[in-house]
Amino acid sequence: PLEKEENKRNKQLAERIVSERNFEYLNRSHNMVNDERK
């Protein structure tokens, strides 16, 4: 169960990293701005 839990946690972390990369790319390519930081 420990190894299964570790796999689940690591997969979520990896997917989040990829999701953030794609979000940054979309911001750059479509000139989207960060409203919160404004």
PDB file of all heavy atoms in Angstrom:
ATOM      1  N   PRO A   1       0.821  -1.224   0.000  1.00  0.00           N
ATOM      2  CA  PRO A   1       0.000   0.000   0.000  1.00  0.00           C
ATOM      3  C   PRO A   1       0.860   1.281   0.000  1.00  0.00           C
ATOM      4  O   PRO A   1       0.489   2.279  -0.598  1.00  0.00           O
ATOM      5  CB  PRO A   1      -0.808  -0.107   1.293  1.00  0.00           C
ATOM      6  CG  PRO A   1      -0.859  -1.577   1.571  1.00  0.00           C
ATOM      7  CD  PRO A   1       0.443  -2.135   1.100  1.00  0.00           C
ATOM      8  N   LEU A   2       2.029   1.192   0.663  1.00  0.00           N
ATOM      9  CA  LEU A   2       2.925   2.353   0.733  1.00  0.00           C
ATOM     10  C   LEU A   2       3.460   2.712  -0.658  1.00  0.00           C
ATOM     11  O   LEU A   2       3.499   3.879  -1.057  1.00  0.00           O
ATOM     12  CB  LEU A   2       4.091   2.047   1.690  1.00  0.00           C
ATOM     13  CG  LEU A   2       4.970   3.236   2.077  1.00  0.00           C
ATOM     14  CD1 LEU A   2       4.166   4.280   2.849  1.00  0.00           C
ATOM     15  CD2 LEU A   2       6.163   2.770   2.911  1.00  0.00           C
ATOM     16  N   GLU A   3       3.861   1.677  -1.428  1.00  0.00           N
ATOM     17  CA  GLU A   3       4.374   1.909  -2.776  1.00  0.00           C
ATOM     18  C   GLU A   3       3.267   2.436  -3.696  1.00  0.00           C
ATOM     19  O   GLU A   3       3.510   3.315  -4.537  1.00  0.00           O
ATOM     20  CB  GLU A   3       4.966   0.623  -3.349  1.00  0.00           C
ATOM     21  CG  GLU A   3       6.289   0.238  -2.701  1.00  0.00           C
ATOM     22  CD  GLU A   3       6.874  -1.048  -3.277  1.00  0.00           C
ATOM     23  OE1 GLU A   3       6.148  -1.787  -3.995  1.00  0.00           O
ATOM     24  OE2 GLU A   3       8.067  -1.313  -3.003  1.00  0.00           O
ATOM     25  N   LYS A   4       2.037   1.909  -3.514  1.00  0.00           N
ATOM     26  CA  LYS A   4       0.913   2.385  -4.325  1.00  0.00           C
ATOM     27  C   LYS A   4       0.608   3.857  -4.022  1.00  0.00           C
ATOM     28  O   LYS A   4       0.340   4.652  -4.926  1.00  0.00           O
ATOM     29  CB  LYS A   4      -0.326   1.524  -4.058  1.00  0.00           C
ATOM     30  CG  LYS A   4      -0.235   0.136  -4.654  1.00  0.00           C
ATOM     31  CD  LYS A   4      -1.457  -0.682  -4.294  1.00  0.00           C
ATOM     32  CE  LYS A   4      -1.322  -2.118  -4.843  1.00  0.00           C
ATOM     33  NZ  LYS A   4      -2.473  -2.954  -4.442  1.00  0.00           N
ATOM     34  N   GLU A   5       0.653   4.190  -2.747  1.00  0.00           N
ATOM     35  CA  GLU A   5       0.403   5.583  -2.333  1.00  0.00           C
ATOM     36  C   GLU A   5       1.490   6.514  -2.879  1.00  0.00           C
ATOM     37  O   GLU A   5       1.228   7.629  -3.326  1.00  0.00           O
ATOM     38  CB  GLU A   5       0.365   5.669  -0.796  1.00  0.00           C
ATOM     39  CG  GLU A   5       0.069   7.059  -0.231  1.00  0.00           C
ATOM     40  CD  GLU A   5      -1.265   7.627  -0.709  1.00  0.00           C
ATOM     41  OE1 GLU A   5      -2.228   6.849  -0.927  1.00  0.00           O
ATOM     42  OE2 GLU A   5      -1.328   8.864  -0.889  1.00  0.00           O
ATOM     43  N   GLU A   6       2.754   6.030  -2.849  1.00  0.00           N
ATOM     44  CA  GLU A   6       3.877   6.820  -3.368  1.00  0.00           C
ATOM     45  C   GLU A   6       3.715   7.059  -4.872  1.00  0.00           C
ATOM     46  O   GLU A   6       3.950   8.164  -5.361  1.00  0.00           O
ATOM     47  CB  GLU A   6       5.196   6.090  -3.082  1.00  0.00           C
ATOM     48  CG  GLU A   6       6.423   6.941  -3.358  1.00  0.00           C
ATOM     49  CD  GLU A   6       7.703   6.191  -3.000  1.00  0.00           C
ATOM     50  OE1 GLU A   6       7.646   5.251  -2.184  1.00  0.00           O
ATOM     51  OE2 GLU A   6       8.745   6.549  -3.560  1.00  0.00           O
ATOM     52  N   ASN A   7       3.298   6.008  -5.600  1.00  0.00           N
ATOM     53  CA  ASN A   7       3.064   6.145  -7.049  1.00  0.00           C
ATOM     54  C   ASN A   7       1.988   7.201  -7.336  1.00  0.00           C
ATOM     55  O   ASN A   7       2.123   8.015  -8.243  1.00  0.00           O
ATOM     56  CB  ASN A   7       2.624   4.806  -7.643  1.00  0.00           C
ATOM     57  CG  ASN A   7       3.810   3.957  -8.064  1.00  0.00           C
ATOM     58  OD1 ASN A   7       4.937   4.293  -7.744  1.00  0.00           O
ATOM     59  ND2 ASN A   7       3.565   2.864  -8.771  1.00  0.00           N
ATOM     60  N   LYS A   8       0.906   7.149  -6.553  1.00  0.00           N
ATOM     61  CA  LYS A   8      -0.211   8.065  -6.747  1.00  0.00           C
ATOM     62  C   LYS A   8       0.229   9.516  -6.511  1.00  0.00           C
ATOM     63  O   LYS A   8      -0.086  10.428  -7.291  1.00  0.00           O
ATOM     64  CB  LYS A   8      -1.340   7.690  -5.788  1.00  0.00           C
ATOM     65  CG  LYS A   8      -2.595   8.540  -5.939  1.00  0.00           C
ATOM     66  CD  LYS A   8      -3.658   8.104  -4.931  1.00  0.00           C
ATOM     67  CE  LYS A   8      -4.882   9.020  -4.985  1.00  0.00           C
ATOM     68  NZ  LYS A   8      -5.890   8.635  -3.960  1.00  0.00           N
ATOM     69  N   ARG A   9       0.973   9.710  -5.421  1.00  0.00           N
ATOM     70  CA  ARG A   9       1.432  11.045  -5.059  1.00  0.00           C
ATOM     71  C   ARG A   9       2.400  11.600  -6.109  1.00  0.00           C
ATOM     72  O   ARG A   9       2.309  12.756  -6.526  1.00  0.00           O
ATOM     73  CB  ARG A   9       2.101  11.006  -3.679  1.00  0.00           C
ATOM     74  CG  ARG A   9       2.366  12.369  -3.066  1.00  0.00           C
ATOM     75  CD  ARG A   9       2.748  12.282  -1.606  1.00  0.00           C
ATOM     76  NE  ARG A   9       3.941  11.468  -1.410  1.00  0.00           N
ATOM     77  CZ  ARG A   9       3.940  10.273  -0.789  1.00  0.00           C
ATOM     78  NH1 ARG A   9       2.810   9.773  -0.309  1.00  0.00           N
ATOM     79  NH2 ARG A   9       5.057   9.592  -0.637  1.00  0.00           N
ATOM     80  N   ASN A  10       3.340  10.758  -6.571  1.00  0.00           N
ATOM     81  CA  ASN A  10       4.339  11.193  -7.555  1.00  0.00           C
ATOM     82  C   ASN A  10       3.695  11.496  -8.912  1.00  0.00           C
ATOM     83  O   ASN A  10       4.108  12.409  -9.621  1.00  0.00           O
ATOM     84  CB  ASN A  10       5.434  10.145  -7.704  1.00  0.00           C
ATOM     85  CG  ASN A  10       6.398  10.171  -6.527  1.00  0.00           C
ATOM     86  OD1 ASN A  10       6.277  11.018  -5.646  1.00  0.00           O
ATOM     87  ND2 ASN A  10       7.350   9.256  -6.504  1.00  0.00           N
ATOM     88  N   LYS A  11       2.657  10.706  -9.259  1.00  0.00           N
ATOM     89  CA  LYS A  11       1.967  10.954 -10.523  1.00  0.00           C
ATOM     90  C   LYS A  11       1.267  12.318 -10.491  1.00  0.00           C
ATOM     91  O   LYS A  11       1.309  13.087 -11.459  1.00  0.00           O
ATOM     92  CB  LYS A  11       0.941   9.848 -10.791  1.00  0.00           C
ATOM     93  CG  LYS A  11       0.239   9.993 -12.142  1.00  0.00           C
ATOM     94  CD  LYS A  11      -0.827   8.931 -12.342  1.00  0.00           C
ATOM     95  CE  LYS A  11      -1.536   9.118 -13.683  1.00  0.00           C
ATOM     96  NZ  LYS A  11      -2.652   8.177 -13.865  1.00  0.00           N
ATOM     97  N   GLN A  12       0.608  12.613  -9.361  1.00  0.00           N
ATOM     98  CA  GLN A  12      -0.071  13.906  -9.231  1.00  0.00           C
ATOM     99  C   GLN A  12       0.916  15.063  -9.322  1.00  0.00           C
ATOM    100  O   GLN A  12       0.650  16.092  -9.968  1.00  0.00           O
ATOM    101  CB  GLN A  12      -0.815  13.966  -7.890  1.00  0.00           C
ATOM    102  CG  GLN A  12      -2.048  13.077  -7.829  1.00  0.00           C
ATOM    103  CD  GLN A  12      -2.649  13.004  -6.430  1.00  0.00           C
ATOM    104  OE1 GLN A  12      -1.992  13.363  -5.439  1.00  0.00           O
ATOM    105  NE2 GLN A  12      -3.884  12.523  -6.333  1.00  0.00           N
ATOM    106  N   LEU A  13       2.098  14.889  -8.695  1.00  0.00           N
ATOM    107  CA  LEU A  13       3.130  15.929  -8.734  1.00  0.00           C
ATOM    108  C   LEU A  13       3.626  16.151 -10.167  1.00  0.00           C
ATOM    109  O   LEU A  13       3.736  17.283 -10.635  1.00  0.00           O
ATOM    110  CB  LEU A  13       4.300  15.535  -7.817  1.00  0.00           C
ATOM    111  CG  LEU A  13       5.510  16.477  -7.795  1.00  0.00           C
ATOM    112  CD1 LEU A  13       5.089  17.878  -7.338  1.00  0.00           C
ATOM    113  CD2 LEU A  13       6.592  15.926  -6.866  1.00  0.00           C
ATOM    114  N   ALA A  14       3.896  15.029 -10.879  1.00  0.00           N
ATOM    115  CA  ALA A  14       4.384  15.118 -12.256  1.00  0.00           C
ATOM    116  C   ALA A  14       3.343  15.773 -13.163  1.00  0.00           C
ATOM    117  O   ALA A  14       3.679  16.612 -14.013  1.00  0.00           O
ATOM    118  CB  ALA A  14       4.743  13.727 -12.766  1.00  0.00           C
ATOM    119  N   GLU A  15       2.091  15.403 -12.983  1.00  0.00           N
ATOM    120  CA  GLU A  15       1.018  15.986 -13.817  1.00  0.00           C
ATOM    121  C   GLU A  15       0.861  17.477 -13.556  1.00  0.00           C
ATOM    122  O   GLU A  15       0.579  18.250 -14.473  1.00  0.00           O
ATOM    123  CB  GLU A  15      -0.306  15.242 -13.539  1.00  0.00           C
ATOM    124  CG  GLU A  15      -0.351  13.857 -14.158  1.00  0.00           C
ATOM    125  CD  GLU A  15      -1.606  13.078 -13.768  1.00  0.00           C
ATOM    126  OE1 GLU A  15      -2.261  13.492 -12.776  1.00  0.00           O
ATOM    127  OE2 GLU A  15      -1.917  12.078 -14.446  1.00  0.00           O
ATOM    128  N   ARG A  16       1.078  17.886 -12.280  1.00  0.00           N
ATOM    129  CA  ARG A  16       0.960  19.294 -11.951  1.00  0.00           C
ATOM    130  C   ARG A  16       2.082  20.108 -12.612  1.00  0.00           C
ATOM    131  O   ARG A  16       1.847  21.203 -13.132  1.00  0.00           O
ATOM    132  CB  ARG A  16       0.984  19.496 -10.430  1.00  0.00           C
ATOM    133  CG  ARG A  16       0.636  20.927 -10.046  1.00  0.00           C
ATOM    134  CD  ARG A  16       0.328  21.100  -8.581  1.00  0.00           C
ATOM    135  NE  ARG A  16       1.529  21.068  -7.767  1.00  0.00           N
ATOM    136  CZ  ARG A  16       1.780  20.171  -6.817  1.00  0.00           C
ATOM    137  NH1 ARG A  16       0.912  19.211  -6.554  1.00  0.00           N
ATOM    138  NH2 ARG A  16       2.890  20.208  -6.124  1.00  0.00           N
ATOM    139  N   ILE A  17       3.289  19.543 -12.625  1.00  0.00           N
ATOM    140  CA  ILE A  17       4.421  20.222 -13.267  1.00  0.00           C
ATOM    141  C   ILE A  17       4.151  20.447 -14.753  1.00  0.00           C
ATOM    142  O   ILE A  17       4.347  21.537 -15.288  1.00  0.00           O
ATOM    143  CB  ILE A  17       5.729  19.409 -13.067  1.00  0.00           C
ATOM    144  CG1 ILE A  17       6.163  19.462 -11.594  1.00  0.00           C
ATOM    145  CG2 ILE A  17       6.840  19.938 -13.969  1.00  0.00           C
ATOM    146  CD1 ILE A  17       7.306  18.545 -11.241  1.00  0.00           C
ATOM    147  N   VAL A  18       3.642  19.396 -15.425  1.00  0.00           N
ATOM    148  CA  VAL A  18       3.347  19.501 -16.857  1.00  0.00           C
ATOM    149  C   VAL A  18       2.221  20.508 -17.092  1.00  0.00           C
ATOM    150  O   VAL A  18       2.268  21.309 -18.041  1.00  0.00           O
ATOM    151  CB  VAL A  18       2.979  18.121 -17.446  1.00  0.00           C
ATOM    152  CG1 VAL A  18       2.518  18.264 -18.889  1.00  0.00           C
ATOM    153  CG2 VAL A  18       4.184  17.198 -17.382  1.00  0.00           C
ATOM    154  N   SER A  19       1.212  20.472 -16.238  1.00  0.00           N
ATOM    155  CA  SER A  19       0.083  21.395 -16.368  1.00  0.00           C
ATOM    156  C   SER A  19       0.551  22.843 -16.235  1.00  0.00           C
ATOM    157  O   SER A  19       0.127  23.723 -17.000  1.00  0.00           O
ATOM    158  CB  SER A  19      -0.959  21.074 -15.296  1.00  0.00           C
ATOM    159  OG  SER A  19      -2.014  21.995 -15.332  1.00  0.00           O
ATOM    160  N   GLU A  20       1.453  23.115 -15.273  1.00  0.00           N
ATOM    161  CA  GLU A  20       1.977  24.468 -15.079  1.00  0.00           C
ATOM    162  C   GLU A  20       2.795  24.928 -16.274  1.00  0.00           C
ATOM    163  O   GLU A  20       2.701  26.087 -16.697  1.00  0.00           O
ATOM    164  CB  GLU A  20       2.831  24.521 -13.798  1.00  0.00           C
ATOM    165  CG  GLU A  20       2.005  24.481 -12.526  1.00  0.00           C
ATOM    166  CD  GLU A  20       2.839  24.329 -11.274  1.00  0.00           C
ATOM    167  OE1 GLU A  20       4.086  24.157 -11.403  1.00  0.00           O
ATOM    168  OE2 GLU A  20       2.260  24.357 -10.173  1.00  0.00           O
ATOM    169  N   ARG A  21       3.583  23.997 -16.845  1.00  0.00           N
ATOM    170  CA  ARG A  21       4.367  24.334 -18.036  1.00  0.00           C
ATOM    171  C   ARG A  21       3.451  24.741 -19.188  1.00  0.00           C
ATOM    172  O   ARG A  21       3.705  25.708 -19.894  1.00  0.00           O
ATOM    173  CB  ARG A  21       5.225  23.139 -18.470  1.00  0.00           C
ATOM    174  CG  ARG A  21       6.372  22.796 -17.551  1.00  0.00           C
ATOM    175  CD  ARG A  21       7.526  23.800 -17.703  1.00  0.00           C
ATOM    176  NE  ARG A  21       8.652  23.350 -16.935  1.00  0.00           N
ATOM    177  CZ  ARG A  21       9.615  22.560 -17.401  1.00  0.00           C
ATOM    178  NH1 ARG A  21       9.574  22.153 -18.657  1.00  0.00           N
ATOM    179  NH2 ARG A  21      10.616  22.195 -16.636  1.00  0.00           N
ATOM    180  N   ASN A  22       2.390  23.965 -19.395  1.00  0.00           N
ATOM    181  CA  ASN A  22       1.461  24.273 -20.485  1.00  0.00           C
ATOM    182  C   ASN A  22       0.717  25.583 -20.246  1.00  0.00           C
ATOM    183  O   ASN A  22       0.465  26.347 -21.181  1.00  0.00           O
ATOM    184  CB  ASN A  22       0.462  23.121 -20.675  1.00  0.00           C
ATOM    185  CG  ASN A  22       1.050  21.982 -21.487  1.00  0.00           C
ATOM    186  OD1 ASN A  22       1.669  22.205 -22.524  1.00  0.00           O
ATOM    187  ND2 ASN A  22       0.879  20.755 -21.016  1.00  0.00           N
ATOM    188  N   PHE A  23       0.398  25.849 -18.971  1.00  0.00           N
ATOM    189  CA  PHE A  23      -0.291  27.092 -18.646  1.00  0.00           C
ATOM    190  C   PHE A  23       0.612  28.297 -18.941  1.00  0.00           C
ATOM    191  O   PHE A  23       0.181  29.305 -19.520  1.00  0.00           O
ATOM    192  CB  PHE A  23      -0.712  27.092 -17.172  1.00  0.00           C
ATOM    193  CG  PHE A  23      -1.447  28.337 -16.752  1.00  0.00           C
ATOM    194  CD1 PHE A  23      -2.749  28.559 -17.166  1.00  0.00           C
ATOM    195  CD2 PHE A  23      -0.822  29.282 -15.956  1.00  0.00           C
ATOM    196  CE1 PHE A  23      -3.425  29.713 -16.789  1.00  0.00           C
ATOM    197  CE2 PHE A  23      -1.490  30.433 -15.580  1.00  0.00           C
ATOM    198  CZ  PHE A  23      -2.800  30.647 -16.003  1.00  0.00           C
ATOM    199  N   GLU A  24       1.902  28.198 -18.558  1.00  0.00           N
ATOM    200  CA  GLU A  24       2.862  29.266 -18.832  1.00  0.00           C
ATOM    201  C   GLU A  24       3.012  29.475 -20.333  1.00  0.00           C
ATOM    202  O   GLU A  24       3.097  30.607 -20.812  1.00  0.00           O
ATOM    203  CB  GLU A  24       4.227  28.924 -18.219  1.00  0.00           C
ATOM    204  CG  GLU A  24       4.273  29.059 -16.710  1.00  0.00           C
ATOM    205  CD  GLU A  24       5.554  28.500 -16.117  1.00  0.00           C
ATOM    206  OE1 GLU A  24       6.477  28.165 -16.901  1.00  0.00           O
ATOM    207  OE2 GLU A  24       5.638  28.373 -14.888  1.00  0.00           O
ATOM    208  N   TYR A  25       3.049  28.366 -21.074  1.00  0.00           N
ATOM    209  CA  TYR A  25       3.180  28.465 -22.529  1.00  0.00           C
ATOM    210  C   TYR A  25       1.977  29.181 -23.143  1.00  0.00           C
ATOM    211  O   TYR A  25       2.114  30.049 -24.006  1.00  0.00           O
ATOM    212  CB  TYR A  25       3.323  27.061 -23.129  1.00  0.00           C
ATOM    213  CG  TYR A  25       3.148  27.042 -24.622  1.00  0.00           C
ATOM    214  CD1 TYR A  25       4.085  27.639 -25.450  1.00  0.00           C
ATOM    215  CD2 TYR A  25       2.031  26.440 -25.211  1.00  0.00           C
ATOM    216  CE1 TYR A  25       3.922  27.647 -26.835  1.00  0.00           C
ATOM    217  CE2 TYR A  25       1.862  26.446 -26.586  1.00  0.00           C
ATOM    218  CZ  TYR A  25       2.813  27.043 -27.392  1.00  0.00           C
ATOM    219  OH  TYR A  25       2.643  27.051 -28.752  1.00  0.00           O
ATOM    220  N   LEU A  26       0.780  28.820 -22.679  1.00  0.00           N
ATOM    221  CA  LEU A  26      -0.423  29.479 -23.195  1.00  0.00           C
ATOM    222  C   LEU A  26      -0.418  30.969 -22.883  1.00  0.00           C
ATOM    223  O   LEU A  26      -0.794  31.800 -23.709  1.00  0.00           O
ATOM    224  CB  LEU A  26      -1.682  28.829 -22.589  1.00  0.00           C
ATOM    225  CG  LEU A  26      -2.089  27.474 -23.180  1.00  0.00           C
ATOM    226  CD1 LEU A  26      -3.175  26.835 -22.344  1.00  0.00           C
ATOM    227  CD2 LEU A  26      -2.561  27.645 -24.619  1.00  0.00           C
ATOM    228  N   ASN A  27       0.038  31.305 -21.669  1.00  0.00           N
ATOM    229  CA  ASN A  27       0.128  32.727 -21.302  1.00  0.00           C
ATOM    230  C   ASN A  27       1.035  33.481 -22.253  1.00  0.00           C
ATOM    231  O   ASN A  27       0.730  34.580 -22.713  1.00  0.00           O
ATOM    232  CB  ASN A  27       0.666  32.877 -19.875  1.00  0.00           C
ATOM    233  CG  ASN A  27      -0.429  32.767 -18.839  1.00  0.00           C
ATOM    234  OD1 ASN A  27      -1.600  32.717 -19.181  1.00  0.00           O
ATOM    235  ND2 ASN A  27      -0.045  32.722 -17.582  1.00  0.00           N
ATOM    236  N   ARG A  28       2.216  32.886 -22.545  1.00  0.00           N
ATOM    237  CA  ARG A  28       3.176  33.533 -23.428  1.00  0.00           C
ATOM    238  C   ARG A  28       2.654  33.640 -24.849  1.00  0.00           C
ATOM    239  O   ARG A  28       2.735  34.674 -25.492  1.00  0.00           O
ATOM    240  CB  ARG A  28       4.509  32.767 -23.416  1.00  0.00           C
ATOM    241  CG  ARG A  28       5.297  32.900 -22.132  1.00  0.00           C
ATOM    242  CD  ARG A  28       6.729  32.445 -22.339  1.00  0.00           C
ATOM    243  NE  ARG A  28       6.823  31.071 -22.821  1.00  0.00           N
ATOM    244  CZ  ARG A  28       6.866  30.007 -22.043  1.00  0.00           C
ATOM    245  NH1 ARG A  28       6.833  30.162 -20.725  1.00  0.00           N
ATOM    246  NH2 ARG A  28       6.958  28.795 -22.538  1.00  0.00           N
ATOM    247  N   SER A  29       2.110  32.525 -25.359  1.00  0.00           N
ATOM    248  CA  SER A  29       1.723  32.491 -26.768  1.00  0.00           C
ATOM    249  C   SER A  29       0.462  33.291 -27.061  1.00  0.00           C
ATOM    250  O   SER A  29       0.262  33.766 -28.170  1.00  0.00           O
ATOM    251  CB  SER A  29       1.541  31.044 -27.232  1.00  0.00           C
ATOM    252  OG  SER A  29       0.565  30.394 -26.456  1.00  0.00           O
ATOM    253  N   HIS A  30      -0.416  33.458 -26.065  1.00  0.00           N
ATOM    254  CA  HIS A  30      -1.659  34.200 -26.309  1.00  0.00           C
ATOM    255  C   HIS A  30      -1.686  35.543 -25.593  1.00  0.00           C
ATOM    256  O   HIS A  30      -2.727  36.182 -25.491  1.00  0.00           O
ATOM    257  CB  HIS A  30      -2.865  33.359 -25.863  1.00  0.00           C
ATOM    258  CG  HIS A  30      -3.010  32.101 -26.665  1.00  0.00           C
ATOM    259  ND1 HIS A  30      -3.350  32.101 -27.996  1.00  0.00           N
ATOM    260  CD2 HIS A  30      -2.828  30.801 -26.317  1.00  0.00           C
ATOM    261  CE1 HIS A  30      -3.387  30.840 -28.444  1.00  0.00           C
ATOM    262  NE2 HIS A  30      -3.078  30.041 -27.451  1.00  0.00           N
ATOM    263  N   ASN A  31      -0.482  35.954 -25.087  1.00  0.00           N
ATOM    264  CA  ASN A  31      -0.371  37.263 -24.425  1.00  0.00           C
ATOM    265  C   ASN A  31      -1.366  37.431 -23.283  1.00  0.00           C
ATOM    266  O   ASN A  31      -1.896  38.516 -23.041  1.00  0.00           O
ATOM    267  CB  ASN A  31      -0.551  38.410 -25.425  1.00  0.00           C
ATOM    268  CG  ASN A  31       0.685  38.605 -26.274  1.00  0.00           C
ATOM    269  OD1 ASN A  31       1.776  38.291 -25.827  1.00  0.00           O
ATOM    270  ND2 ASN A  31       0.508  39.082 -27.477  1.00  0.00           N
ATOM    271  N   MET A  32      -1.651  36.329 -22.604  1.00  0.00           N
ATOM    272  CA  MET A  32      -2.528  36.424 -21.440  1.00  0.00           C
ATOM    273  C   MET A  32      -1.747  37.037 -20.287  1.00  0.00           C
ATOM    274  O   MET A  32      -0.547  36.860 -20.163  1.00  0.00           O
ATOM    275  CB  MET A  32      -3.025  35.027 -21.039  1.00  0.00           C
ATOM    276  CG  MET A  32      -3.976  34.413 -22.065  1.00  0.00           C
ATOM    277  SD  MET A  32      -4.240  32.650 -21.770  1.00  0.00           S
ATOM    278  CE  MET A  32      -5.016  32.691 -20.167  1.00  0.00           C
ATOM    279  N   VAL A  33      -2.410  37.787 -19.445  1.00  0.00           N
ATOM    280  CA  VAL A  33      -1.722  38.411 -18.330  1.00  0.00           C
ATOM    281  C   VAL A  33      -2.206  37.808 -17.012  1.00  0.00           C
ATOM    282  O   VAL A  33      -3.275  37.216 -16.940  1.00  0.00           O
ATOM    283  CB  VAL A  33      -1.955  39.940 -18.307  1.00  0.00           C
ATOM    284  CG1 VAL A  33      -1.326  40.584 -19.513  1.00  0.00           C
ATOM    285  CG2 VAL A  33      -3.435  40.271 -18.233  1.00  0.00           C
ATOM    286  N   ASN A  34      -1.375  37.981 -15.994  1.00  0.00           N
ATOM    287  CA  ASN A  34      -1.685  37.447 -14.677  1.00  0.00           C
ATOM    288  C   ASN A  34      -2.473  38.498 -13.887  1.00  0.00           C
ATOM    289  O   ASN A  34      -1.914  39.426 -13.314  1.00  0.00           O
ATOM    290  CB  ASN A  34      -0.358  37.105 -13.959  1.00  0.00           C
ATOM    291  CG  ASN A  34      -0.594  36.331 -12.697  1.00  0.00           C
ATOM    292  OD1 ASN A  34      -1.559  36.574 -11.986  1.00  0.00           O
ATOM    293  ND2 ASN A  34       0.296  35.407 -12.405  1.00  0.00           N
ATOM    294  N   ASP A  35      -3.817  38.362 -13.893  1.00  0.00           N
ATOM    295  CA  ASP A  35      -4.676  39.366 -13.274  1.00  0.00           C
ATOM    296  C   ASP A  35      -4.436  39.515 -11.777  1.00  0.00           C
ATOM    297  O   ASP A  35      -4.519  40.613 -11.233  1.00  0.00           O
ATOM    298  CB  ASP A  35      -6.152  39.027 -13.519  1.00  0.00           C
ATOM    299  CG  ASP A  35      -6.554  39.297 -14.961  1.00  0.00           C
ATOM    300  OD1 ASP A  35      -5.996  40.246 -15.541  1.00  0.00           O
ATOM    301  OD2 ASP A  35      -7.396  38.570 -15.501  1.00  0.00           O
ATOM    302  N   GLU A  36      -4.136  38.402 -11.119  1.00  0.00           N
ATOM    303  CA  GLU A  36      -3.941  38.451  -9.667  1.00  0.00           C
ATOM    304  C   GLU A  36      -2.716  39.289  -9.322  1.00  0.00           C
ATOM    305  O   GLU A  36      -2.755  40.125  -8.417  1.00  0.00           O
ATOM    306  CB  GLU A  36      -3.775  37.024  -9.121  1.00  0.00           C
ATOM    307  CG  GLU A  36      -3.767  36.977  -7.602  1.00  0.00           C
ATOM    308  CD  GLU A  36      -3.638  35.552  -7.075  1.00  0.00           C
ATOM    309  OE1 GLU A  36      -4.000  34.605  -7.808  1.00  0.00           O
ATOM    310  OE2 GLU A  36      -3.173  35.409  -5.946  1.00  0.00           O
ATOM    311  N   ARG A  37      -1.627  39.110 -10.057  1.00  0.00           N
ATOM    312  CA  ARG A  37      -0.390  39.842  -9.761  1.00  0.00           C
ATOM    313  C   ARG A  37      -0.501  41.321 -10.137  1.00  0.00           C
ATOM    314  O   ARG A  37       0.224  42.160  -9.603  1.00  0.00           O
ATOM    315  CB  ARG A  37       0.801  39.191 -10.453  1.00  0.00           C
ATOM    316  CG  ARG A  37       1.110  37.798  -9.890  1.00  0.00           C
ATOM    317  CD  ARG A  37       2.414  37.272 -10.409  1.00  0.00           C
ATOM    318  NE  ARG A  37       3.551  38.008  -9.873  1.00  0.00           N
ATOM    319  CZ  ARG A  37       4.806  37.843 -10.294  1.00  0.00           C
ATOM    320  NH1 ARG A  37       5.050  36.991 -11.267  1.00  0.00           N
ATOM    321  NH2 ARG A  37       5.784  38.541  -9.782  1.00  0.00           N
ATOM    322  N   LYS A  38      -1.407  41.638 -11.067  1.00  0.00           N
ATOM    323  CA  LYS A  38      -1.623  43.038 -11.434  1.00  0.00           C
ATOM    324  C   LYS A  38      -2.135  43.845 -10.242  1.00  0.00           C
ATOM    325  O   LYS A  38      -1.973  45.055 -10.184  1.00  0.00           O
ATOM    326  CB  LYS A  38      -2.646  43.141 -12.579  1.00  0.00           C
ATOM    327  CG  LYS A  38      -2.068  42.881 -13.952  1.00  0.00           C
ATOM    328  CD  LYS A  38      -3.153  42.780 -15.004  1.00  0.00           C
ATOM    329  CE  LYS A  38      -3.867  44.091 -15.209  1.00  0.00           C
ATOM    330  NZ  LYS A  38      -4.874  43.997 -16.292  1.00  0.00           N
TER     331      LYS A  38
END
